[in-house]
């Protein structure tokens, strides 16, 4: 299970939506619209499912290791 993330349009940072799921389940969902309160700029950001991604804990570790070796 991972966290659905979106990009803050003001800062460009990834922010959590509060939705926990896996990539396969999230990919099977119909297109939907939502809003998320940004923990960085404290603004409500609207977003569509196509703009979001699932960040799973294992992926974060692999991504950091790949970045460190590059």
C-alpha atoms as a PDB file:
ATOM      1  CA  UNK A   1       0.000   0.000   0.000  1.00  0.00           C
ATOM      2  CA  UNK A   2       1.148   3.473  -0.794  1.00  0.00           C
ATOM      3  CA  UNK A   3      -0.004   7.063  -0.633  1.00  0.00           C
ATOM      4  CA  UNK A   4      -1.628   8.841  -3.564  1.00  0.00           C
ATOM      5  CA  UNK A   5       0.446  11.949  -4.217  1.00  0.00           C
ATOM      6  CA  UNK A   6      -0.066  15.099  -6.264  1.00  0.00           C
ATOM      7  CA  UNK A   7       2.152  18.040  -7.102  1.00  0.00           C
ATOM      8  CA  UNK A   8       1.628  21.374  -5.344  1.00  0.00           C
ATOM      9  CA  UNK A   9       1.212  23.881  -8.196  1.00  0.00           C
ATOM     10  CA  UNK A  10       2.735  26.668  -6.098  1.00  0.00           C
ATOM     11  CA  UNK A  11       5.894  24.922  -4.855  1.00  0.00           C
ATOM     12  CA  UNK A  12       6.265  21.950  -7.212  1.00  0.00           C
ATOM     13  CA  UNK A  13       6.664  19.568  -4.260  1.00  0.00           C
ATOM     14  CA  UNK A  14       4.849  16.247  -3.963  1.00  0.00           C
ATOM     15  CA  UNK A  15       2.086  16.305  -1.359  1.00  0.00           C
ATOM     16  CA  UNK A  16       0.075  13.422   0.109  1.00  0.00           C
ATOM     17  CA  UNK A  17      -3.660  13.293  -0.604  1.00  0.00           C
ATOM     18  CA  UNK A  18      -4.522  11.119   2.385  1.00  0.00           C
ATOM     19  CA  UNK A  19      -5.648   8.288   0.079  1.00  0.00           C
ATOM     20  CA  UNK A  20      -3.879   4.961   0.688  1.00  0.00           C
ATOM     21  CA  UNK A  21      -3.999   2.327  -2.061  1.00  0.00           C
ATOM     22  CA  UNK A  22      -1.789   0.281  -4.369  1.00  0.00           C
ATOM     23  CA  UNK A  23      -0.887   1.219  -7.946  1.00  0.00           C
ATOM     24  CA  UNK A  24      -2.998  -1.487  -9.558  1.00  0.00           C
ATOM     25  CA  UNK A  25      -6.165  -0.532  -7.668  1.00  0.00           C
ATOM     26  CA  UNK A  26      -5.633   3.170  -8.283  1.00  0.00           C
ATOM     27  CA  UNK A  27      -5.078   2.537 -12.001  1.00  0.00           C
ATOM     28  CA  UNK A  28      -8.411   0.695 -12.263  1.00  0.00           C
ATOM     29  CA  UNK A  29     -10.434   3.544 -10.721  1.00  0.00           C
ATOM     30  CA  UNK A  30     -12.546   5.659 -13.007  1.00  0.00           C
ATOM     31  CA  UNK A  31     -11.363   9.188 -13.664  1.00  0.00           C
ATOM     32  CA  UNK A  32     -12.297  11.378 -10.744  1.00  0.00           C
ATOM     33  CA  UNK A  33     -11.772  14.874  -9.388  1.00  0.00           C
ATOM     34  CA  UNK A  34     -10.747  15.703  -5.838  1.00  0.00           C
ATOM     35  CA  UNK A  35      -9.229  18.389  -3.636  1.00  0.00           C
ATOM     36  CA  UNK A  36      -6.365  18.100  -1.193  1.00  0.00           C
ATOM     37  CA  UNK A  37      -5.269  20.505   1.510  1.00  0.00           C
ATOM     38  CA  UNK A  38      -1.576  21.210   0.924  1.00  0.00           C
ATOM     39  CA  UNK A  39       0.643  20.715   3.960  1.00  0.00           C
ATOM     40  CA  UNK A  40       3.220  23.078   2.444  1.00  0.00           C
ATOM     41  CA  UNK A  41       1.299  26.169   1.280  1.00  0.00           C
ATOM     42  CA  UNK A  42      -1.924  25.534   3.263  1.00  0.00           C
ATOM     43  CA  UNK A  43      -4.145  25.903   0.190  1.00  0.00           C
ATOM     44  CA  UNK A  44      -6.771  23.502  -1.192  1.00  0.00           C
ATOM     45  CA  UNK A  45      -5.550  22.131  -4.527  1.00  0.00           C
ATOM     46  CA  UNK A  46      -7.994  20.581  -7.006  1.00  0.00           C
ATOM     47  CA  UNK A  47      -6.693  17.588  -8.959  1.00  0.00           C
ATOM     48  CA  UNK A  48      -7.747  14.814 -11.335  1.00  0.00           C
ATOM     49  CA  UNK A  49      -6.712  11.179 -10.914  1.00  0.00           C
ATOM     50  CA  UNK A  50      -4.588  11.360 -14.085  1.00  0.00           C
ATOM     51  CA  UNK A  51      -2.371  13.979 -12.342  1.00  0.00           C
ATOM     52  CA  UNK A  52      -1.734  11.768  -9.310  1.00  0.00           C
ATOM     53  CA  UNK A  53       0.520   8.808  -8.630  1.00  0.00           C
ATOM     54  CA  UNK A  54       0.925   6.187  -5.927  1.00  0.00           C
ATOM     55  CA  UNK A  55       4.144   6.457  -3.962  1.00  0.00           C
ATOM     56  CA  UNK A  56       4.837   3.191  -2.213  1.00  0.00           C
ATOM     57  CA  UNK A  57       7.436   2.945   0.582  1.00  0.00           C
ATOM     58  CA  UNK A  58       9.613   0.480  -1.365  1.00  0.00           C
ATOM     59  CA  UNK A  59       9.645   2.812  -4.375  1.00  0.00           C
ATOM     60  CA  UNK A  60      10.832   5.743  -2.260  1.00  0.00           C
ATOM     61  CA  UNK A  61      13.815   3.725  -0.990  1.00  0.00           C
ATOM     62  CA  UNK A  62      14.726   2.522  -4.496  1.00  0.00           C
ATOM     63  CA  UNK A  63      14.366   6.037  -5.921  1.00  0.00           C
ATOM     64  CA  UNK A  64      16.633   7.503  -3.240  1.00  0.00           C
ATOM     65  CA  UNK A  65      19.271   4.786  -3.800  1.00  0.00           C
ATOM     66  CA  UNK A  66      19.207   5.377  -7.567  1.00  0.00           C
ATOM     67  CA  UNK A  67      19.565   9.134  -7.033  1.00  0.00           C
ATOM     68  CA  UNK A  68      22.467   8.641  -4.640  1.00  0.00           C
ATOM     69  CA  UNK A  69      24.414   6.485  -7.120  1.00  0.00           C
ATOM     70  CA  UNK A  70      23.794   8.748 -10.125  1.00  0.00           C
END
